[in-house]
Amino acid sequence: MKVSNLRKGFTLIELLVVIAIISLLSSIVLTSLSAARSKARDAERTSDARTLRNAFLAYSLDNGGNFPMTASCVVAGKATDFYCIGHGSPSAPTKDGGMCFLNGYVGCPTVDAALTPYMKTLPDDPLNDIAGRMDSYMYADPVHAWGGIQGPILHWFIEKNTITPADCLGGATSTYLGKNFCMLQLKQ
């Protein structure tokens, strides 16, 4: 009588090897997907910044070369150089209680109102990560200067590790609290 020595199934080692290979491949794919999402958000930020720039320039053309002022935006004695676009204000919030950037800055309804005739909706950062400081586009009026750049300034964050002026529509690049950001001087 002949005894068949055929085994059915896989050994534990074979199964573990297959699981390890699948895990390795999935981690590679997820890393690539994360990088692609980050690039897509940066592309959206650049597009939003370009649209905001065009809206500010259109406002300026319609108002004798003047840009929106933020003097009326001081809330509870809190005056800042930059104001959140599209957040309203703490007394009349449209988003995040009228605050942005770790609640260190306030929105400015005057600026929001100045832009709305030129834009269907005011953009918000695609990540909208208040805790990570990437939650809005910001504006400084012509009276303010920052980093050697005289206002008016449009400011936004970029996730890319190394940024160039080309990433900032030709504006300045800088790093603050470990995050990269762009500052674009708005001018005719």
N, C-alpha and C. Protein backbone atom coordinates (compact mmCIF):
# COMPACT_ATOMS: atom_id res chain seq x y z
N MET A 1 0.82 -1.16 0.00
CA MET A 1 0.00 0.00 0.00
C MET A 1 0.88 1.24 0.00
N LYS A 2 0.51 2.17 -0.83
CA LYS A 2 1.29 3.38 -0.99
C LYS A 2 0.68 4.50 -0.14
N VAL A 3 1.50 5.15 0.68
CA VAL A 3 1.03 6.23 1.54
C VAL A 3 1.37 7.57 0.88
N SER A 4 0.36 8.40 0.73
CA SER A 4 0.57 9.70 0.10
C SER A 4 1.04 10.71 1.17
N ASN A 5 2.09 11.39 0.85
CA ASN A 5 2.66 12.36 1.78
C ASN A 5 2.35 13.80 1.33
N LEU A 6 1.22 14.00 0.68
CA LEU A 6 0.83 15.34 0.22
C LEU A 6 0.24 16.11 1.40
N ARG A 7 0.72 17.29 1.61
CA ARG A 7 0.17 18.08 2.68
C ARG A 7 -0.79 19.10 2.09
N LYS A 8 -1.77 19.45 2.85
CA LYS A 8 -2.76 20.41 2.40
C LYS A 8 -2.57 21.69 3.20
N GLY A 9 -2.57 22.87 2.51
CA GLY A 9 -2.42 24.15 3.19
C GLY A 9 -0.98 24.63 3.20
N PHE A 10 -0.78 25.70 3.96
CA PHE A 10 0.54 26.33 4.06
C PHE A 10 1.07 26.19 5.47
N THR A 11 2.36 26.27 5.57
CA THR A 11 2.95 26.25 6.91
C THR A 11 2.82 27.64 7.51
N LEU A 12 3.00 27.72 8.79
CA LEU A 12 2.92 29.01 9.49
C LEU A 12 3.98 29.97 8.97
N ILE A 13 5.16 29.49 8.70
CA ILE A 13 6.25 30.33 8.18
C ILE A 13 5.86 30.92 6.83
N GLU A 14 5.30 30.12 5.95
CA GLU A 14 4.90 30.61 4.63
C GLU A 14 3.84 31.71 4.75
N LEU A 15 2.87 31.51 5.62
CA LEU A 15 1.85 32.53 5.83
C LEU A 15 2.43 33.81 6.38
N LEU A 16 3.35 33.72 7.34
CA LEU A 16 3.96 34.91 7.91
C LEU A 16 4.79 35.67 6.89
N VAL A 17 5.47 34.97 6.00
CA VAL A 17 6.26 35.62 4.95
C VAL A 17 5.34 36.39 4.00
N VAL A 18 4.22 35.77 3.62
CA VAL A 18 3.27 36.44 2.73
C VAL A 18 2.68 37.67 3.40
N ILE A 19 2.32 37.56 4.67
CA ILE A 19 1.78 38.71 5.40
C ILE A 19 2.81 39.83 5.50
N ALA A 20 4.07 39.49 5.75
CA ALA A 20 5.12 40.50 5.83
C ALA A 20 5.30 41.22 4.49
N ILE A 21 5.26 40.49 3.41
CA ILE A 21 5.41 41.09 2.08
C ILE A 21 4.24 42.03 1.78
N ILE A 22 3.03 41.59 2.09
CA ILE A 22 1.86 42.43 1.86
C ILE A 22 1.92 43.69 2.73
N SER A 23 2.35 43.56 3.96
CA SER A 23 2.48 44.72 4.85
C SER A 23 3.49 45.72 4.32
N LEU A 24 4.62 45.23 3.86
CA LEU A 24 5.66 46.09 3.30
C LEU A 24 5.15 46.84 2.07
N LEU A 25 4.49 46.13 1.18
CA LEU A 25 3.97 46.77 -0.03
C LEU A 25 2.89 47.81 0.30
N SER A 26 2.03 47.50 1.25
CA SER A 26 0.98 48.46 1.59
C SER A 26 1.56 49.71 2.26
N SER A 27 2.61 49.56 3.05
CA SER A 27 3.22 50.75 3.67
C SER A 27 3.87 51.63 2.61
N ILE A 28 4.45 51.05 1.60
CA ILE A 28 5.04 51.82 0.51
C ILE A 28 3.95 52.58 -0.25
N VAL A 29 2.85 51.93 -0.52
CA VAL A 29 1.75 52.57 -1.25
C VAL A 29 1.15 53.70 -0.42
N LEU A 30 0.95 53.47 0.87
CA LEU A 30 0.36 54.51 1.73
C LEU A 30 1.27 55.72 1.86
N THR A 31 2.58 55.51 1.91
CA THR A 31 3.53 56.63 1.97
C THR A 31 3.45 57.45 0.68
N SER A 32 3.38 56.79 -0.44
CA SER A 32 3.26 57.49 -1.72
C SER A 32 1.94 58.25 -1.80
N LEU A 33 0.88 57.65 -1.30
CA LEU A 33 -0.42 58.30 -1.31
C LEU A 33 -0.43 59.54 -0.43
N SER A 34 0.21 59.46 0.72
CA SER A 34 0.30 60.61 1.62
C SER A 34 1.06 61.77 0.97
N ALA A 35 2.16 61.46 0.31
CA ALA A 35 2.94 62.49 -0.38
C ALA A 35 2.12 63.12 -1.51
N ALA A 36 1.36 62.30 -2.22
CA ALA A 36 0.53 62.83 -3.30
C ALA A 36 -0.56 63.75 -2.76
N ARG A 37 -1.15 63.39 -1.63
CA ARG A 37 -2.17 64.25 -1.03
C ARG A 37 -1.58 65.59 -0.60
N SER A 38 -0.39 65.55 -0.02
CA SER A 38 0.27 66.78 0.40
C SER A 38 0.54 67.69 -0.80
N LYS A 39 1.02 67.10 -1.90
CA LYS A 39 1.27 67.89 -3.12
C LYS A 39 -0.03 68.48 -3.66
N ALA A 40 -1.11 67.71 -3.59
CA ALA A 40 -2.39 68.20 -4.08
C ALA A 40 -2.89 69.37 -3.23
N ARG A 41 -2.71 69.27 -1.90
CA ARG A 41 -3.12 70.38 -1.03
C ARG A 41 -2.28 71.63 -1.32
N ASP A 42 -0.97 71.46 -1.54
CA ASP A 42 -0.13 72.61 -1.88
C ASP A 42 -0.55 73.24 -3.21
N ALA A 43 -0.92 72.39 -4.18
CA ALA A 43 -1.39 72.92 -5.47
C ALA A 43 -2.69 73.71 -5.28
N GLU A 44 -3.57 73.21 -4.40
CA GLU A 44 -4.81 73.93 -4.11
C GLU A 44 -4.52 75.25 -3.42
N ARG A 45 -3.55 75.24 -2.50
CA ARG A 45 -3.18 76.49 -1.80
C ARG A 45 -2.66 77.53 -2.80
N THR A 46 -1.81 77.11 -3.73
CA THR A 46 -1.27 78.03 -4.73
C THR A 46 -2.39 78.59 -5.60
N SER A 47 -3.32 77.73 -5.98
CA SER A 47 -4.45 78.18 -6.79
C SER A 47 -5.32 79.17 -6.00
N ASP A 48 -5.60 78.84 -4.73
CA ASP A 48 -6.38 79.75 -3.89
C ASP A 48 -5.67 81.09 -3.70
N ALA A 49 -4.36 81.04 -3.48
CA ALA A 49 -3.59 82.28 -3.29
C ALA A 49 -3.62 83.12 -4.57
N ARG A 50 -3.54 82.48 -5.72
CA ARG A 50 -3.61 83.21 -6.98
C ARG A 50 -4.98 83.89 -7.13
N THR A 51 -6.04 83.16 -6.77
CA THR A 51 -7.39 83.72 -6.84
C THR A 51 -7.56 84.88 -5.86
N LEU A 52 -7.04 84.71 -4.64
CA LEU A 52 -7.11 85.80 -3.66
C LEU A 52 -6.33 87.02 -4.14
N ARG A 53 -5.14 86.78 -4.69
CA ARG A 53 -4.34 87.90 -5.21
C ARG A 53 -5.14 88.65 -6.28
N ASN A 54 -5.75 87.91 -7.18
CA ASN A 54 -6.51 88.56 -8.25
C ASN A 54 -7.71 89.34 -7.69
N ALA A 55 -8.34 88.80 -6.65
CA ALA A 55 -9.47 89.51 -6.03
C ALA A 55 -8.99 90.80 -5.37
N PHE A 56 -7.86 90.73 -4.66
CA PHE A 56 -7.32 91.94 -4.03
C PHE A 56 -6.94 92.98 -5.09
N LEU A 57 -6.34 92.53 -6.19
CA LEU A 57 -5.95 93.47 -7.24
C LEU A 57 -7.17 94.08 -7.91
N ALA A 58 -8.22 93.29 -8.11
CA ALA A 58 -9.46 93.82 -8.70
C ALA A 58 -10.08 94.85 -7.76
N TYR A 59 -10.08 94.55 -6.46
CA TYR A 59 -10.58 95.53 -5.48
C TYR A 59 -9.77 96.82 -5.57
N SER A 60 -8.46 96.69 -5.65
CA SER A 60 -7.59 97.85 -5.72
C SER A 60 -7.87 98.69 -6.97
N LEU A 61 -8.06 98.02 -8.10
CA LEU A 61 -8.37 98.75 -9.34
C LEU A 61 -9.70 99.51 -9.22
N ASP A 62 -10.67 98.88 -8.57
CA ASP A 62 -11.99 99.51 -8.42
C ASP A 62 -12.01 100.59 -7.35
N ASN A 63 -10.96 100.68 -6.54
CA ASN A 63 -10.94 101.62 -5.42
C ASN A 63 -9.73 102.56 -5.46
N GLY A 64 -9.41 103.00 -6.65
CA GLY A 64 -8.37 104.01 -6.82
C GLY A 64 -6.98 103.57 -6.38
N GLY A 65 -6.68 102.28 -6.52
CA GLY A 65 -5.35 101.78 -6.15
C GLY A 65 -5.21 101.43 -4.67
N ASN A 66 -6.28 101.59 -3.91
CA ASN A 66 -6.24 101.28 -2.47
C ASN A 66 -6.61 99.83 -2.20
N PHE A 67 -6.01 99.29 -1.16
CA PHE A 67 -6.32 97.93 -0.71
C PHE A 67 -7.16 98.02 0.56
N PRO A 68 -7.88 96.95 0.92
CA PRO A 68 -8.69 96.99 2.15
C PRO A 68 -7.83 97.29 3.37
N MET A 69 -8.38 98.07 4.27
CA MET A 69 -7.70 98.40 5.52
C MET A 69 -8.28 97.55 6.65
N THR A 70 -7.48 97.33 7.69
CA THR A 70 -7.90 96.46 8.79
C THR A 70 -8.06 97.22 10.11
N ALA A 71 -8.01 98.55 10.08
CA ALA A 71 -8.09 99.32 11.32
C ALA A 71 -9.37 99.02 12.09
N SER A 72 -10.47 98.73 11.38
CA SER A 72 -11.75 98.46 12.04
C SER A 72 -11.83 97.04 12.59
N CYS A 73 -10.78 96.26 12.41
CA CYS A 73 -10.81 94.85 12.78
C CYS A 73 -10.24 94.55 14.16
N VAL A 74 -9.81 95.55 14.87
CA VAL A 74 -9.28 95.33 16.22
C VAL A 74 -10.43 94.86 17.10
N VAL A 75 -10.27 93.70 17.72
CA VAL A 75 -11.31 93.11 18.54
C VAL A 75 -10.81 93.00 19.97
N ALA A 76 -11.55 93.56 20.89
CA ALA A 76 -11.20 93.50 22.33
C ALA A 76 -9.75 93.93 22.55
N GLY A 77 -9.34 94.98 21.86
CA GLY A 77 -7.98 95.49 22.03
C GLY A 77 -6.92 94.64 21.38
N LYS A 78 -7.31 93.60 20.63
CA LYS A 78 -6.34 92.69 20.00
C LYS A 78 -6.10 93.14 18.56
N ALA A 79 -5.00 93.81 18.33
CA ALA A 79 -4.62 94.21 16.98
C ALA A 79 -3.44 93.34 16.56
N THR A 80 -3.50 92.85 15.37
CA THR A 80 -2.41 92.02 14.85
C THR A 80 -1.98 92.57 13.50
N ASP A 81 -0.85 92.09 13.03
CA ASP A 81 -0.41 92.49 11.70
C ASP A 81 -1.21 91.77 10.62
N PHE A 82 -1.50 90.49 10.86
CA PHE A 82 -2.22 89.68 9.88
C PHE A 82 -3.62 89.35 10.38
N TYR A 83 -4.54 89.23 9.44
CA TYR A 83 -5.92 88.89 9.75
C TYR A 83 -6.34 87.70 8.90
N CYS A 84 -7.14 86.82 9.48
CA CYS A 84 -7.61 85.61 8.81
C CYS A 84 -8.64 86.00 7.74
N ILE A 85 -8.53 85.42 6.57
CA ILE A 85 -9.49 85.67 5.51
C ILE A 85 -10.60 84.62 5.61
N GLY A 86 -11.84 85.08 5.58
CA GLY A 86 -12.98 84.18 5.57
C GLY A 86 -13.40 83.64 6.92
N HIS A 87 -12.92 84.22 8.01
CA HIS A 87 -13.27 83.72 9.35
C HIS A 87 -14.24 84.62 10.09
N GLY A 88 -14.62 85.75 9.50
CA GLY A 88 -15.47 86.68 10.23
C GLY A 88 -14.67 87.33 11.34
N SER A 89 -15.27 87.48 12.51
CA SER A 89 -14.56 88.02 13.67
C SER A 89 -15.09 87.31 14.91
N PRO A 90 -14.40 87.42 16.05
CA PRO A 90 -14.90 86.77 17.26
C PRO A 90 -16.31 87.22 17.65
N SER A 91 -16.68 88.47 17.34
CA SER A 91 -18.02 88.93 17.67
C SER A 91 -19.06 88.50 16.63
N ALA A 92 -18.62 88.19 15.42
CA ALA A 92 -19.51 87.72 14.35
C ALA A 92 -18.79 86.65 13.53
N PRO A 93 -18.53 85.48 14.15
CA PRO A 93 -17.73 84.47 13.47
C PRO A 93 -18.46 83.80 12.31
N THR A 94 -17.72 83.51 11.27
CA THR A 94 -18.24 82.68 10.17
C THR A 94 -17.54 81.33 10.17
N LYS A 95 -16.42 81.23 10.91
CA LYS A 95 -15.66 79.99 10.96
C LYS A 95 -14.75 80.02 12.17
N ASP A 96 -14.60 78.90 12.84
CA ASP A 96 -13.66 78.72 13.96
C ASP A 96 -13.72 79.85 14.99
N GLY A 97 -14.90 80.33 15.28
CA GLY A 97 -15.04 81.39 16.29
C GLY A 97 -14.41 82.71 15.87
N GLY A 98 -14.18 82.89 14.57
CA GLY A 98 -13.57 84.12 14.08
C GLY A 98 -12.07 84.19 14.31
N MET A 99 -11.48 83.07 14.72
CA MET A 99 -10.04 83.03 15.04
C MET A 99 -9.33 82.07 14.07
N CYS A 100 -8.01 82.23 14.00
CA CYS A 100 -7.20 81.29 13.23
C CYS A 100 -5.79 81.26 13.81
N PHE A 101 -4.97 80.39 13.30
CA PHE A 101 -3.57 80.28 13.67
C PHE A 101 -3.40 80.17 15.19
N LEU A 102 -3.84 79.03 15.72
CA LEU A 102 -3.75 78.74 17.16
C LEU A 102 -4.47 79.80 17.99
N ASN A 103 -5.56 80.35 17.43
CA ASN A 103 -6.34 81.40 18.09
C ASN A 103 -5.51 82.63 18.41
N GLY A 104 -4.42 82.82 17.68
CA GLY A 104 -3.57 83.99 17.89
C GLY A 104 -3.94 85.16 17.01
N TYR A 105 -4.78 84.91 16.01
CA TYR A 105 -5.16 85.96 15.07
C TYR A 105 -6.67 85.94 14.90
N VAL A 106 -7.23 87.07 14.52
CA VAL A 106 -8.67 87.18 14.33
C VAL A 106 -8.98 87.43 12.86
N GLY A 107 -10.23 87.19 12.52
CA GLY A 107 -10.70 87.50 11.19
C GLY A 107 -11.03 88.98 11.07
N CYS A 108 -11.29 89.42 9.86
CA CYS A 108 -11.60 90.83 9.62
C CYS A 108 -12.76 90.91 8.63
N PRO A 109 -13.99 91.13 9.15
CA PRO A 109 -15.14 91.21 8.26
C PRO A 109 -15.01 92.28 7.18
N THR A 110 -14.28 93.35 7.46
CA THR A 110 -14.08 94.41 6.46
C THR A 110 -13.36 93.86 5.23
N VAL A 111 -12.32 93.04 5.47
CA VAL A 111 -11.58 92.45 4.36
C VAL A 111 -12.44 91.41 3.65
N ASP A 112 -13.15 90.58 4.43
CA ASP A 112 -14.03 89.58 3.82
C ASP A 112 -15.05 90.24 2.91
N ALA A 113 -15.66 91.33 3.39
CA ALA A 113 -16.67 92.04 2.60
C ALA A 113 -16.05 92.67 1.35
N ALA A 114 -14.82 93.13 1.46
CA ALA A 114 -14.14 93.74 0.29
C ALA A 114 -13.89 92.70 -0.80
N LEU A 115 -13.66 91.45 -0.41
CA LEU A 115 -13.32 90.40 -1.39
C LEU A 115 -14.55 89.73 -2.00
N THR A 116 -15.65 89.68 -1.26
CA THR A 116 -16.79 88.89 -1.74
C THR A 116 -17.36 89.31 -3.09
N PRO A 117 -17.31 90.59 -3.50
CA PRO A 117 -17.78 90.89 -4.86
C PRO A 117 -16.91 90.27 -5.96
N TYR A 118 -15.70 89.88 -5.62
CA TYR A 118 -14.76 89.37 -6.61
C TYR A 118 -14.56 87.85 -6.54
N MET A 119 -15.13 87.23 -5.52
CA MET A 119 -14.98 85.78 -5.33
C MET A 119 -16.32 85.19 -4.92
N LYS A 120 -16.63 84.03 -5.47
CA LYS A 120 -17.89 83.36 -5.11
C LYS A 120 -17.87 82.96 -3.64
N THR A 121 -16.78 82.31 -3.22
CA THR A 121 -16.59 81.95 -1.81
C THR A 121 -15.14 82.23 -1.43
N LEU A 122 -14.93 82.59 -0.19
CA LEU A 122 -13.57 82.83 0.29
C LEU A 122 -12.95 81.49 0.63
N PRO A 123 -11.74 81.22 0.15
CA PRO A 123 -11.14 79.90 0.38
C PRO A 123 -10.65 79.72 1.81
N ASP A 124 -10.52 78.47 2.18
CA ASP A 124 -9.93 78.10 3.45
C ASP A 124 -8.85 77.08 3.16
N ASP A 125 -7.85 77.00 4.02
CA ASP A 125 -6.77 76.05 3.81
C ASP A 125 -7.35 74.64 3.69
N PRO A 126 -6.90 73.85 2.71
CA PRO A 126 -7.48 72.52 2.52
C PRO A 126 -7.26 71.58 3.70
N LEU A 127 -6.21 71.78 4.47
CA LEU A 127 -5.96 70.92 5.62
C LEU A 127 -6.79 71.37 6.82
N ASN A 128 -6.99 72.68 6.91
CA ASN A 128 -7.77 73.28 8.00
C ASN A 128 -7.39 72.69 9.35
N ASP A 129 -6.11 72.69 9.63
CA ASP A 129 -5.58 72.08 10.84
C ASP A 129 -5.19 73.18 11.83
N ILE A 130 -6.12 73.58 12.68
CA ILE A 130 -5.86 74.66 13.63
C ILE A 130 -4.71 74.29 14.56
N ALA A 131 -4.71 73.05 15.05
CA ALA A 131 -3.66 72.62 15.98
C ALA A 131 -2.30 72.63 15.29
N GLY A 132 -2.26 72.34 14.01
CA GLY A 132 -1.00 72.31 13.27
C GLY A 132 -0.65 73.63 12.62
N ARG A 133 -1.41 74.67 12.91
CA ARG A 133 -1.16 76.03 12.43
C ARG A 133 -1.37 76.19 10.93
N MET A 134 -2.06 75.28 10.29
CA MET A 134 -2.28 75.43 8.86
C MET A 134 -3.78 75.55 8.63
N ASP A 135 -4.34 76.70 8.96
CA ASP A 135 -5.79 76.76 8.93
C ASP A 135 -6.38 77.95 8.18
N SER A 136 -5.58 78.79 7.58
CA SER A 136 -6.21 79.89 6.85
C SER A 136 -5.20 80.64 5.99
N TYR A 137 -5.77 81.46 5.11
CA TYR A 137 -4.98 82.45 4.38
C TYR A 137 -5.08 83.73 5.20
N MET A 138 -4.02 84.52 5.20
CA MET A 138 -4.01 85.72 6.03
C MET A 138 -3.61 86.93 5.20
N TYR A 139 -4.01 88.11 5.71
CA TYR A 139 -3.80 89.36 4.99
C TYR A 139 -3.29 90.43 5.94
N ALA A 140 -2.31 91.19 5.48
CA ALA A 140 -1.83 92.37 6.20
C ALA A 140 -2.05 93.58 5.29
N ASP A 141 -2.62 94.63 5.84
CA ASP A 141 -2.94 95.79 5.02
C ASP A 141 -1.69 96.61 4.69
N PRO A 142 -1.81 97.67 3.87
CA PRO A 142 -0.63 98.44 3.43
C PRO A 142 0.15 99.12 4.55
N VAL A 143 -0.46 99.31 5.71
CA VAL A 143 0.21 99.97 6.82
C VAL A 143 1.26 99.06 7.46
N HIS A 144 1.06 97.77 7.38
CA HIS A 144 1.92 96.82 8.08
C HIS A 144 3.06 96.28 7.20
N ALA A 145 4.11 95.87 7.86
CA ALA A 145 5.24 95.23 7.18
C ALA A 145 5.64 94.02 8.00
N TRP A 146 6.18 93.02 7.34
CA TRP A 146 6.63 91.84 8.06
C TRP A 146 7.79 91.23 7.30
N GLY A 147 8.84 90.90 8.00
CA GLY A 147 9.99 90.27 7.37
C GLY A 147 10.60 91.11 6.27
N GLY A 148 10.55 92.43 6.43
CA GLY A 148 11.12 93.32 5.42
C GLY A 148 10.22 93.56 4.23
N ILE A 149 9.02 93.02 4.25
CA ILE A 149 8.08 93.21 3.14
C ILE A 149 6.98 94.15 3.60
N GLN A 150 6.80 95.22 2.84
CA GLN A 150 5.74 96.19 3.16
C GLN A 150 4.41 95.68 2.63
N GLY A 151 3.36 95.84 3.43
CA GLY A 151 2.02 95.41 3.03
C GLY A 151 1.51 96.22 1.85
N PRO A 152 0.47 95.78 1.25
CA PRO A 152 -0.37 94.66 1.62
C PRO A 152 0.30 93.32 1.29
N ILE A 153 0.06 92.34 2.17
CA ILE A 153 0.70 91.03 2.06
C ILE A 153 -0.36 89.94 2.16
N LEU A 154 -0.23 88.94 1.31
CA LEU A 154 -1.03 87.71 1.42
C LEU A 154 -0.10 86.63 1.95
N HIS A 155 -0.56 85.87 2.93
CA HIS A 155 0.29 84.90 3.65
C HIS A 155 -0.43 83.56 3.69
N TRP A 156 0.31 82.47 3.39
CA TRP A 156 -0.28 81.13 3.50
C TRP A 156 0.83 80.10 3.74
N PHE A 157 0.44 78.96 4.29
CA PHE A 157 1.39 77.89 4.60
C PHE A 157 1.50 76.90 3.46
N ILE A 158 2.67 76.25 3.40
CA ILE A 158 2.96 75.22 2.41
C ILE A 158 3.49 74.00 3.16
N GLU A 159 3.03 72.80 2.77
CA GLU A 159 3.49 71.58 3.43
C GLU A 159 4.84 71.09 2.91
N LYS A 160 5.18 71.45 1.70
CA LYS A 160 6.42 71.00 1.07
C LYS A 160 7.61 71.30 1.98
N ASN A 161 8.57 70.37 2.05
CA ASN A 161 9.71 70.54 2.95
C ASN A 161 10.63 71.69 2.55
N THR A 162 10.86 71.86 1.28
CA THR A 162 11.73 72.93 0.79
C THR A 162 10.93 73.74 -0.21
N ILE A 163 10.77 75.04 0.07
CA ILE A 163 9.98 75.86 -0.84
C ILE A 163 10.85 76.92 -1.49
N THR A 164 10.41 77.34 -2.66
CA THR A 164 11.11 78.38 -3.42
C THR A 164 10.12 79.51 -3.72
N PRO A 165 10.61 80.65 -4.18
CA PRO A 165 9.68 81.72 -4.57
C PRO A 165 8.66 81.27 -5.62
N ALA A 166 9.02 80.32 -6.46
CA ALA A 166 8.07 79.82 -7.46
C ALA A 166 6.87 79.16 -6.79
N ASP A 167 7.07 78.51 -5.63
CA ASP A 167 5.96 77.92 -4.89
C ASP A 167 5.06 78.99 -4.30
N CYS A 168 5.57 80.21 -4.21
CA CYS A 168 4.86 81.33 -3.56
C CYS A 168 4.44 82.40 -4.56
N LEU A 169 4.19 81.99 -5.79
CA LEU A 169 3.78 82.93 -6.84
C LEU A 169 4.78 84.07 -7.00
N GLY A 170 6.05 83.78 -6.76
CA GLY A 170 7.10 84.79 -6.88
C GLY A 170 7.32 85.58 -5.60
N GLY A 171 6.60 85.25 -4.54
CA GLY A 171 6.74 85.97 -3.28
C GLY A 171 7.88 85.41 -2.44
N ALA A 172 7.97 85.89 -1.22
CA ALA A 172 9.03 85.48 -0.30
C ALA A 172 8.67 84.18 0.41
N THR A 173 9.69 83.45 0.81
CA THR A 173 9.51 82.21 1.57
C THR A 173 10.11 82.39 2.95
N SER A 174 9.55 81.69 3.91
CA SER A 174 10.08 81.76 5.25
C SER A 174 9.63 80.55 6.04
N THR A 175 10.20 80.40 7.23
CA THR A 175 9.82 79.32 8.14
C THR A 175 9.48 79.94 9.48
N TYR A 176 8.39 79.47 10.06
CA TYR A 176 7.97 79.96 11.37
C TYR A 176 7.41 78.77 12.15
N LEU A 177 7.92 78.57 13.35
CA LEU A 177 7.51 77.46 14.20
C LEU A 177 7.60 76.12 13.48
N GLY A 178 8.65 75.98 12.66
CA GLY A 178 8.89 74.72 11.96
C GLY A 178 8.03 74.49 10.74
N LYS A 179 7.25 75.47 10.34
CA LYS A 179 6.38 75.34 9.16
C LYS A 179 6.84 76.33 8.09
N ASN A 180 6.74 75.91 6.83
CA ASN A 180 7.08 76.78 5.71
C ASN A 180 5.88 77.61 5.31
N PHE A 181 6.12 78.86 4.97
CA PHE A 181 5.03 79.68 4.49
C PHE A 181 5.49 80.65 3.43
N CYS A 182 4.49 81.18 2.71
CA CYS A 182 4.72 82.15 1.63
C CYS A 182 4.16 83.50 2.04
N MET A 183 4.84 84.54 1.61
CA MET A 183 4.34 85.90 1.77
C MET A 183 4.45 86.60 0.43
N LEU A 184 3.30 87.00 -0.08
CA LEU A 184 3.25 87.64 -1.39
C LEU A 184 2.82 89.09 -1.21
N GLN A 185 3.70 90.00 -1.62
CA GLN A 185 3.35 91.42 -1.57
C GLN A 185 2.37 91.69 -2.70
N LEU A 186 1.24 92.25 -2.34
CA LEU A 186 0.20 92.57 -3.34
C LEU A 186 0.47 93.95 -3.88
N LYS A 187 0.62 94.04 -5.17
CA LYS A 187 0.86 95.35 -5.79
C LYS A 187 0.38 95.32 -7.23
N GLN A 188 0.08 96.52 -7.72
CA GLN A 188 -0.41 96.64 -9.10
C GLN A 188 0.71 96.42 -10.07
